[in-house]
Amino acid sequence: MGYSEEGKAGYDAAKGKYNFEGDLPILTFGGLKARGHPVGGTGAYQVAEAYMQLSGTAGKNQVQGAKVGVTQNVGGVDTTSIVHIMRRVS
């Protein structure tokens, strides 16, 4: 999705860019493989997790001040792809 320069994602992750306190927290619940990566349920869970962050109901996994959530789900052998961009409305 372009959050790191090409070839630099691992370096950015090691520096903490994607941690809770980093510039761009991701996988705040451990990622979808932590949920067993259920075929068909993957995209739905991504949206549910983003909703929890934006509504402030993520508990110990809450990113403070979360205002925007982005999900990306790829189906098949990268034959389909969908991105949702959500924002918190006050």
PDB file of N, CA and C in Angstrom:
ATOM      1  N   MET A   1       0.821  -1.204   0.000  1.00  0.00           N
ATOM      2  CA  MET A   1       0.000   0.000   0.000  1.00  0.00           C
ATOM      3  C   MET A   1       0.855   1.254   0.000  1.00  0.00           C
ATOM      4  N   GLY A   2       2.149   1.087   0.022  1.00  0.00           N
ATOM      5  CA  GLY A   2       3.024   2.243  -0.095  1.00  0.00           C
ATOM      6  C   GLY A   2       3.363   2.949   1.206  1.00  0.00           C
ATOM      7  N   TYR A   3       3.156   2.308   2.337  1.00  0.00           N
ATOM      8  CA  TYR A   3       3.459   2.954   3.620  1.00  0.00           C
ATOM      9  C   TYR A   3       4.957   3.005   3.905  1.00  0.00           C
ATOM     10  N   SER A   4       5.717   2.182   3.220  1.00  0.00           N
ATOM     11  CA  SER A   4       7.172   2.198   3.304  1.00  0.00           C
ATOM     12  C   SER A   4       7.719   2.300   1.890  1.00  0.00           C
ATOM     13  N   GLU A   5       8.900   2.826   1.778  1.00  0.00           N
ATOM     14  CA  GLU A   5       9.550   2.831   0.467  1.00  0.00           C
ATOM     15  C   GLU A   5       9.811   1.383   0.066  1.00  0.00           C
ATOM     16  N   GLU A   6       9.891   1.137  -1.237  1.00  0.00           N
ATOM     17  CA  GLU A   6      10.113  -0.204  -1.732  1.00  0.00           C
ATOM     18  C   GLU A   6      11.367  -0.809  -1.091  1.00  0.00           C
ATOM     19  N   GLY A   7      11.213  -2.005  -0.550  1.00  0.00           N
ATOM     20  CA  GLY A   7      12.321  -2.703   0.083  1.00  0.00           C
ATOM     21  C   GLY A   7      12.636  -2.255   1.499  1.00  0.00           C
ATOM     22  N   LYS A   8      11.883  -1.321   2.058  1.00  0.00           N
ATOM     23  CA  LYS A   8      12.192  -0.768   3.381  1.00  0.00           C
ATOM     24  C   LYS A   8      11.188  -1.149   4.463  1.00  0.00           C
ATOM     25  N   ALA A   9      10.157  -1.953   4.142  1.00  0.00           N
ATOM     26  CA  ALA A   9       9.118  -2.264   5.122  1.00  0.00           C
ATOM     27  C   ALA A   9       9.692  -2.983   6.350  1.00  0.00           C
ATOM     28  N   GLY A  10      10.569  -3.948   6.140  1.00  0.00           N
ATOM     29  CA  GLY A  10      11.171  -4.667   7.265  1.00  0.00           C
ATOM     30  C   GLY A  10      11.978  -3.739   8.156  1.00  0.00           C
ATOM     31  N   TYR A  11      12.718  -2.840   7.541  1.00  0.00           N
ATOM     32  CA  TYR A  11      13.514  -1.857   8.283  1.00  0.00           C
ATOM     33  C   TYR A  11      12.593  -0.945   9.091  1.00  0.00           C
ATOM     34  N   ASP A  12      11.521  -0.455   8.456  1.00  0.00           N
ATOM     35  CA  ASP A  12      10.573   0.415   9.157  1.00  0.00           C
ATOM     36  C   ASP A  12       9.926  -0.312  10.333  1.00  0.00           C
ATOM     37  N   ALA A  13       9.564  -1.579  10.120  1.00  0.00           N
ATOM     38  CA  ALA A  13       8.949  -2.362  11.196  1.00  0.00           C
ATOM     39  C   ALA A  13       9.928  -2.544  12.361  1.00  0.00           C
ATOM     40  N   ALA A  14      11.184  -2.842  12.049  1.00  0.00           N
ATOM     41  CA  ALA A  14      12.199  -3.026  13.097  1.00  0.00           C
ATOM     42  C   ALA A  14      12.423  -1.739  13.884  1.00  0.00           C
ATOM     43  N   LYS A  15      12.248  -0.601  13.241  1.00  0.00           N
ATOM     44  CA  LYS A  15      12.407   0.691  13.918  1.00  0.00           C
ATOM     45  C   LYS A  15      11.186   1.081  14.735  1.00  0.00           C
ATOM     46  N   GLY A  16      10.081   0.303  14.615  1.00  0.00           N
ATOM     47  CA  GLY A  16       8.889   0.588  15.417  1.00  0.00           C
ATOM     48  C   GLY A  16       7.833   1.427  14.731  1.00  0.00           C
ATOM     49  N   LYS A  17       7.991   1.673  13.452  1.00  0.00           N
ATOM     50  CA  LYS A  17       7.020   2.511  12.733  1.00  0.00           C
ATOM     51  C   LYS A  17       5.602   1.984  12.871  1.00  0.00           C
ATOM     52  N   TYR A  18       5.430   0.652  12.931  1.00  0.00           N
ATOM     53  CA  TYR A  18       4.105   0.050  12.936  1.00  0.00           C
ATOM     54  C   TYR A  18       3.632  -0.412  14.309  1.00  0.00           C
ATOM     55  N   ASN A  19       4.378  -0.098  15.368  1.00  0.00           N
ATOM     56  CA  ASN A  19       3.988  -0.441  16.738  1.00  0.00           C
ATOM     57  C   ASN A  19       2.868   0.480  17.220  1.00  0.00           C
ATOM     58  N   PHE A  20       2.281   0.148  18.375  1.00  0.00           N
ATOM     59  CA  PHE A  20       1.216   0.981  18.949  1.00  0.00           C
ATOM     60  C   PHE A  20       1.619   2.445  19.057  1.00  0.00           C
ATOM     61  N   GLU A  21       2.859   2.692  19.483  1.00  0.00           N
ATOM     62  CA  GLU A  21       3.321   4.057  19.673  1.00  0.00           C
ATOM     63  C   GLU A  21       3.989   4.617  18.417  1.00  0.00           C
ATOM     64  N   GLY A  22       4.044   3.838  17.366  1.00  0.00           N
ATOM     65  CA  GLY A  22       4.705   4.256  16.134  1.00  0.00           C
ATOM     66  C   GLY A  22       3.859   5.214  15.308  1.00  0.00           C
ATOM     67  N   ASP A  23       4.423   5.627  14.191  1.00  0.00           N
ATOM     68  CA  ASP A  23       3.735   6.565  13.303  1.00  0.00           C
ATOM     69  C   ASP A  23       2.490   5.968  12.659  1.00  0.00           C
ATOM     70  N   LEU A  24       2.472   4.644  12.473  1.00  0.00           N
ATOM     71  CA  LEU A  24       1.371   3.995  11.759  1.00  0.00           C
ATOM     72  C   LEU A  24       1.087   2.618  12.366  1.00  0.00           C
ATOM     73  N   PRO A  25       0.357   2.568  13.496  1.00  0.00           N
ATOM     74  CA  PRO A  25       0.085   1.284  14.138  1.00  0.00           C
ATOM     75  C   PRO A  25      -0.712   0.355  13.220  1.00  0.00           C
ATOM     76  N   ILE A  26      -0.238  -0.885  13.058  1.00  0.00           N
ATOM     77  CA  ILE A  26      -0.962  -1.886  12.268  1.00  0.00           C
ATOM     78  C   ILE A  26      -1.008  -3.193  13.044  1.00  0.00           C
ATOM     79  N   LEU A  27      -1.891  -4.087  12.642  1.00  0.00           N
ATOM     80  CA  LEU A  27      -2.037  -5.398  13.263  1.00  0.00           C
ATOM     81  C   LEU A  27      -2.186  -5.280  14.784  1.00  0.00           C
ATOM     82  N   THR A  28      -3.067  -4.395  15.216  1.00  0.00           N
ATOM     83  CA  THR A  28      -3.192  -4.073  16.633  1.00  0.00           C
ATOM     84  C   THR A  28      -3.762  -5.215  17.466  1.00  0.00           C
ATOM     85  N   PHE A  29      -4.321  -6.229  16.818  1.00  0.00           N
ATOM     86  CA  PHE A  29      -4.805  -7.416  17.518  1.00  0.00           C
ATOM     87  C   PHE A  29      -3.998  -8.641  17.131  1.00  0.00           C
ATOM     88  N   GLY A  30      -2.841  -8.448  16.512  1.00  0.00           N
ATOM     89  CA  GLY A  30      -1.974  -9.570  16.163  1.00  0.00           C
ATOM     90  C   GLY A  30      -2.103 -10.034  14.727  1.00  0.00           C
ATOM     91  N   GLY A  31      -2.947  -9.422  13.953  1.00  0.00           N
ATOM     92  CA  GLY A  31      -3.105  -9.809  12.555  1.00  0.00           C
ATOM     93  C   GLY A  31      -4.078 -10.951  12.382  1.00  0.00           C
ATOM     94  N   LEU A  32      -4.449 -11.188  11.161  1.00  0.00           N
ATOM     95  CA  LEU A  32      -5.474 -12.184  10.882  1.00  0.00           C
ATOM     96  C   LEU A  32      -5.013 -13.613  11.076  1.00  0.00           C
ATOM     97  N   LYS A  33      -3.730 -13.865  10.954  1.00  0.00           N
ATOM     98  CA  LYS A  33      -3.256 -15.235  11.214  1.00  0.00           C
ATOM     99  C   LYS A  33      -3.416 -15.571  12.692  1.00  0.00           C
ATOM    100  N   ALA A  34      -3.425 -14.558  13.550  1.00  0.00           N
ATOM    101  CA  ALA A  34      -3.674 -14.778  14.969  1.00  0.00           C
ATOM    102  C   ALA A  34      -5.119 -15.226  15.200  1.00  0.00           C
ATOM    103  N   ARG A  35      -5.980 -15.010  14.216  1.00  0.00           N
ATOM    104  CA  ARG A  35      -7.383 -15.430  14.268  1.00  0.00           C
ATOM    105  C   ARG A  35      -7.623 -16.698  13.451  1.00  0.00           C
ATOM    106  N   GLY A  36      -6.568 -17.327  12.949  1.00  0.00           N
ATOM    107  CA  GLY A  36      -6.692 -18.531  12.156  1.00  0.00           C
ATOM    108  C   GLY A  36      -6.882 -18.264  10.674  1.00  0.00           C
ATOM    109  N   HIS A  37      -6.869 -17.002  10.271  1.00  0.00           N
ATOM    110  CA  HIS A  37      -7.024 -16.575   8.875  1.00  0.00           C
ATOM    111  C   HIS A  37      -8.191 -17.307   8.206  1.00  0.00           C
ATOM    112  N   PRO A  38      -9.401 -17.118   8.746  1.00  0.00           N
ATOM    113  CA  PRO A  38     -10.556 -17.838   8.213  1.00  0.00           C
ATOM    114  C   PRO A  38     -10.942 -17.334   6.820  1.00  0.00           C
ATOM    115  N   VAL A  39     -10.913 -18.213   5.847  1.00  0.00           N
ATOM    116  CA  VAL A  39     -11.289 -17.836   4.483  1.00  0.00           C
ATOM    117  C   VAL A  39     -12.729 -17.328   4.510  1.00  0.00           C
ATOM    118  N   GLY A  40     -12.954 -16.187   3.923  1.00  0.00           N
ATOM    119  CA  GLY A  40     -14.284 -15.593   3.906  1.00  0.00           C
ATOM    120  C   GLY A  40     -14.534 -14.665   5.080  1.00  0.00           C
ATOM    121  N   GLY A  41     -13.949 -14.961   6.228  1.00  0.00           N
ATOM    122  CA  GLY A  41     -14.147 -14.121   7.404  1.00  0.00           C
ATOM    123  C   GLY A  41     -13.055 -13.077   7.571  1.00  0.00           C
ATOM    124  N   THR A  42     -11.995 -13.213   6.808  1.00  0.00           N
ATOM    125  CA  THR A  42     -10.836 -12.337   6.962  1.00  0.00           C
ATOM    126  C   THR A  42     -11.198 -10.866   6.785  1.00  0.00           C
ATOM    127  N   GLY A  43     -11.823 -10.535   5.679  1.00  0.00           N
ATOM    128  CA  GLY A  43     -12.175  -9.138   5.406  1.00  0.00           C
ATOM    129  C   GLY A  43     -13.159  -8.586   6.414  1.00  0.00           C
ATOM    130  N   ALA A  44     -14.134  -9.411   6.807  1.00  0.00           N
ATOM    131  CA  ALA A  44     -15.120  -8.967   7.792  1.00  0.00           C
ATOM    132  C   ALA A  44     -14.440  -8.658   9.124  1.00  0.00           C
ATOM    133  N   TYR A  45     -13.486  -9.490   9.531  1.00  0.00           N
ATOM    134  CA  TYR A  45     -12.800  -9.232  10.795  1.00  0.00           C
ATOM    135  C   TYR A  45     -11.947  -7.969  10.715  1.00  0.00           C
ATOM    136  N   GLN A  46     -11.323  -7.735   9.575  1.00  0.00           N
ATOM    137  CA  GLN A  46     -10.531  -6.506   9.419  1.00  0.00           C
ATOM    138  C   GLN A  46     -11.400  -5.278   9.662  1.00  0.00           C
ATOM    139  N   VAL A  47     -12.576  -5.261   9.070  1.00  0.00           N
ATOM    140  CA  VAL A  47     -13.489  -4.123   9.228  1.00  0.00           C
ATOM    141  C   VAL A  47     -13.951  -4.020  10.676  1.00  0.00           C
ATOM    142  N   ALA A  48     -14.248  -5.153  11.310  1.00  0.00           N
ATOM    143  CA  ALA A  48     -14.665  -5.134  12.716  1.00  0.00           C
ATOM    144  C   ALA A  48     -13.561  -4.571  13.603  1.00  0.00           C
ATOM    145  N   GLU A  49     -12.321  -4.978  13.353  1.00  0.00           N
ATOM    146  CA  GLU A  49     -11.195  -4.483  14.147  1.00  0.00           C
ATOM    147  C   GLU A  49     -11.004  -2.977  13.942  1.00  0.00           C
ATOM    148  N   ALA A  50     -11.114  -2.511  12.717  1.00  0.00           N
ATOM    149  CA  ALA A  50     -10.999  -1.071  12.452  1.00  0.00           C
ATOM    150  C   ALA A  50     -12.115  -0.310  13.165  1.00  0.00           C
ATOM    151  N   TYR A  51     -13.319  -0.870  13.154  1.00  0.00           N
ATOM    152  CA  TYR A  51     -14.439  -0.246  13.855  1.00  0.00           C
ATOM    153  C   TYR A  51     -14.144  -0.123  15.347  1.00  0.00           C
ATOM    154  N   MET A  52     -13.610  -1.202  15.940  1.00  0.00           N
ATOM    155  CA  MET A  52     -13.283  -1.145  17.370  1.00  0.00           C
ATOM    156  C   MET A  52     -12.276  -0.044  17.657  1.00  0.00           C
ATOM    157  N   GLN A  53     -11.273   0.103  16.805  1.00  0.00           N
ATOM    158  CA  GLN A  53     -10.284   1.168  17.009  1.00  0.00           C
ATOM    159  C   GLN A  53     -10.956   2.543  16.912  1.00  0.00           C
ATOM    160  N   LEU A  54     -11.768   2.742  15.898  1.00  0.00           N
ATOM    161  CA  LEU A  54     -12.373   4.055  15.670  1.00  0.00           C
ATOM    162  C   LEU A  54     -13.443   4.393  16.695  1.00  0.00           C
ATOM    163  N   SER A  55     -14.095   3.384  17.264  1.00  0.00           N
ATOM    164  CA  SER A  55     -15.137   3.632  18.263  1.00  0.00           C
ATOM    165  C   SER A  55     -14.584   3.645  19.681  1.00  0.00           C
ATOM    166  N   GLY A  56     -13.283   3.372  19.830  1.00  0.00           N
ATOM    167  CA  GLY A  56     -12.662   3.395  21.159  1.00  0.00           C
ATOM    168  C   GLY A  56     -13.006   2.191  22.008  1.00  0.00           C
ATOM    169  N   THR A  57     -13.372   1.060  21.367  1.00  0.00           N
ATOM    170  CA  THR A  57     -13.774  -0.124  22.117  1.00  0.00           C
ATOM    171  C   THR A  57     -12.770  -1.275  21.978  1.00  0.00           C
ATOM    172  N   ALA A  58     -11.520  -0.959  21.656  1.00  0.00           N
ATOM    173  CA  ALA A  58     -10.502  -1.989  21.424  1.00  0.00           C
ATOM    174  C   ALA A  58      -9.795  -2.438  22.700  1.00  0.00           C
ATOM    175  N   GLY A  59     -10.203  -1.930  23.835  1.00  0.00           N
ATOM    176  CA  GLY A  59      -9.624  -2.357  25.112  1.00  0.00           C
ATOM    177  C   GLY A  59      -8.125  -2.151  25.185  1.00  0.00           C
ATOM    178  N   LYS A  60      -7.388  -3.175  25.638  1.00  0.00           N
ATOM    179  CA  LYS A  60      -5.941  -3.054  25.808  1.00  0.00           C
ATOM    180  C   LYS A  60      -5.211  -2.887  24.478  1.00  0.00           C
ATOM    181  N   ASN A  61      -5.885  -3.122  23.372  1.00  0.00           N
ATOM    182  CA  ASN A  61      -5.288  -2.973  22.052  1.00  0.00           C
ATOM    183  C   ASN A  61      -5.614  -1.621  21.419  1.00  0.00           C
ATOM    184  N   GLN A  62      -6.209  -0.741  22.186  1.00  0.00           N
ATOM    185  CA  GLN A  62      -6.654   0.543  21.649  1.00  0.00           C
ATOM    186  C   GLN A  62      -5.482   1.446  21.270  1.00  0.00           C
ATOM    187  N   VAL A  63      -5.536   1.975  20.071  1.00  0.00           N
ATOM    188  CA  VAL A  63      -4.594   3.001  19.627  1.00  0.00           C
ATOM    189  C   VAL A  63      -5.206   4.338  20.027  1.00  0.00           C
ATOM    190  N   GLN A  64      -4.528   5.047  20.920  1.00  0.00           N
ATOM    191  CA  GLN A  64      -5.062   6.310  21.415  1.00  0.00           C
ATOM    192  C   GLN A  64      -5.192   7.329  20.285  1.00  0.00           C
ATOM    193  N   GLY A  65      -6.349   7.963  20.212  1.00  0.00           N
ATOM    194  CA  GLY A  65      -6.574   9.010  19.227  1.00  0.00           C
ATOM    195  C   GLY A  65      -6.811   8.501  17.807  1.00  0.00           C
ATOM    196  N   ALA A  66      -7.165   7.224  17.658  1.00  0.00           N
ATOM    197  CA  ALA A  66      -7.391   6.671  16.316  1.00  0.00           C
ATOM    198  C   ALA A  66      -8.496   7.454  15.612  1.00  0.00           C
ATOM    199  N   LYS A  67      -8.198   7.942  14.417  1.00  0.00           N
ATOM    200  CA  LYS A  67      -9.165   8.742  13.655  1.00  0.00           C
ATOM    201  C   LYS A  67      -9.478   8.142  12.292  1.00  0.00           C
ATOM    202  N   VAL A  68      -8.541   7.358  11.733  1.00  0.00           N
ATOM    203  CA  VAL A  68      -8.714   6.768  10.406  1.00  0.00           C
ATOM    204  C   VAL A  68      -8.330   5.300  10.474  1.00  0.00           C
ATOM    205  N   GLY A  69      -9.121   4.463   9.824  1.00  0.00           N
ATOM    206  CA  GLY A  69      -8.813   3.038   9.725  1.00  0.00           C
ATOM    207  C   GLY A  69      -8.785   2.636   8.260  1.00  0.00           C
ATOM    208  N   VAL A  70      -7.815   1.814   7.888  1.00  0.00           N
ATOM    209  CA  VAL A  70      -7.689   1.327   6.516  1.00  0.00           C
ATOM    210  C   VAL A  70      -7.550  -0.185   6.564  1.00  0.00           C
ATOM    211  N   THR A  71      -8.331  -0.881   5.745  1.00  0.00           N
ATOM    212  CA  THR A  71      -8.198  -2.329   5.622  1.00  0.00           C
ATOM    213  C   THR A  71      -7.947  -2.667   4.161  1.00  0.00           C
ATOM    214  N   GLN A  72      -7.205  -3.741   3.937  1.00  0.00           N
ATOM    215  CA  GLN A  72      -6.981  -4.254   2.586  1.00  0.00           C
ATOM    216  C   GLN A  72      -7.119  -5.767   2.645  1.00  0.00           C
ATOM    217  N   ASN A  73      -7.919  -6.311   1.754  1.00  0.00           N
ATOM    218  CA  ASN A  73      -8.112  -7.746   1.711  1.00  0.00           C
ATOM    219  C   ASN A  73      -7.915  -8.217   0.275  1.00  0.00           C
ATOM    220  N   VAL A  74      -7.110  -9.255   0.106  1.00  0.00           N
ATOM    221  CA  VAL A  74      -6.807  -9.811  -1.209  1.00  0.00           C
ATOM    222  C   VAL A  74      -7.408 -11.203  -1.278  1.00  0.00           C
ATOM    223  N   GLY A  75      -8.113 -11.502  -2.366  1.00  0.00           N
ATOM    224  CA  GLY A  75      -8.738 -12.804  -2.536  1.00  0.00           C
ATOM    225  C   GLY A  75      -8.076 -13.599  -3.639  1.00  0.00           C
ATOM    226  N   GLY A  76      -8.217 -14.903  -3.531  1.00  0.00           N
ATOM    227  CA  GLY A  76      -7.633 -15.775  -4.539  1.00  0.00           C
ATOM    228  C   GLY A  76      -6.130 -15.618  -4.585  1.00  0.00           C
ATOM    229  N   VAL A  77      -5.579 -15.742  -5.756  1.00  0.00           N
ATOM    230  CA  VAL A  77      -4.141 -15.533  -5.953  1.00  0.00           C
ATOM    231  C   VAL A  77      -3.974 -14.094  -6.436  1.00  0.00           C
ATOM    232  N   ASP A  78      -4.340 -13.174  -5.539  1.00  0.00           N
ATOM    233  CA  ASP A  78      -4.340 -11.736  -5.837  1.00  0.00           C
ATOM    234  C   ASP A  78      -5.180 -11.416  -7.071  1.00  0.00           C
ATOM    235  N   THR A  79      -6.315 -12.122  -7.190  1.00  0.00           N
ATOM    236  CA  THR A  79      -7.208 -11.863  -8.316  1.00  0.00           C
ATOM    237  C   THR A  79      -8.263 -10.827  -7.989  1.00  0.00           C
ATOM    238  N   THR A  80      -8.534 -10.647  -6.712  1.00  0.00           N
ATOM    239  CA  THR A  80      -9.449  -9.594  -6.282  1.00  0.00           C
ATOM    240  C   THR A  80      -8.820  -8.865  -5.106  1.00  0.00           C
ATOM    241  N   SER A  81      -9.158  -7.615  -4.965  1.00  0.00           N
ATOM    242  CA  SER A  81      -8.630  -6.827  -3.855  1.00  0.00           C
ATOM    243  C   SER A  81      -9.633  -5.741  -3.509  1.00  0.00           C
ATOM    244  N   ILE A  82      -9.791  -5.491  -2.215  1.00  0.00           N
ATOM    245  CA  ILE A  82     -10.683  -4.434  -1.785  1.00  0.00           C
ATOM    246  C   ILE A  82     -10.023  -3.670  -0.636  1.00  0.00           C
ATOM    247  N   VAL A  83     -10.208  -2.384  -0.644  1.00  0.00           N
ATOM    248  CA  VAL A  83      -9.679  -1.503   0.396  1.00  0.00           C
ATOM    249  C   VAL A  83     -10.836  -0.701   0.968  1.00  0.00           C
ATOM    250  N   HIS A  84     -10.912  -0.639   2.281  1.00  0.00           N
ATOM    251  CA  HIS A  84     -11.889   0.209   2.963  1.00  0.00           C
ATOM    252  C   HIS A  84     -11.116   1.299   3.699  1.00  0.00           C
ATOM    253  N   ILE A  85     -11.571   2.512   3.586  1.00  0.00           N
ATOM    254  CA  ILE A  85     -11.006   3.632   4.344  1.00  0.00           C
ATOM    255  C   ILE A  85     -12.133   4.206   5.171  1.00  0.00           C
ATOM    256  N   MET A  86     -11.935   4.199   6.486  1.00  0.00           N
ATOM    257  CA  MET A  86     -12.967   4.647   7.421  1.00  0.00           C
ATOM    258  C   MET A  86     -12.408   5.758   8.288  1.00  0.00           C
ATOM    259  N   ARG A  87     -13.289   6.622   8.738  1.00  0.00           N
ATOM    260  CA  ARG A  87     -12.850   7.652   9.674  1.00  0.00           C
ATOM    261  C   ARG A  87     -13.853   7.796  10.793  1.00  0.00           C
ATOM    262  N   ARG A  88     -13.343   8.224  11.927  1.00  0.00           N
ATOM    263  CA  ARG A  88     -14.213   8.438  13.087  1.00  0.00           C
ATOM    264  C   ARG A  88     -14.967   9.741  12.891  1.00  0.00           C
ATOM    265  N   VAL A  89     -16.249   9.716  13.173  1.00  0.00           N
ATOM    266  CA  VAL A  89     -17.076  10.904  13.080  1.00  0.00           C
ATOM    267  C   VAL A  89     -17.485  11.284  14.482  1.00  0.00           C
ATOM    268  N   SER A  90     -17.235  12.515  14.859  1.00  0.00           N
ATOM    269  CA  SER A  90     -17.563  12.963  16.215  1.00  0.00           C
ATOM    270  C   SER A  90     -19.020  13.327  16.328  1.00  0.00           C
TER     271      SER A  90
END
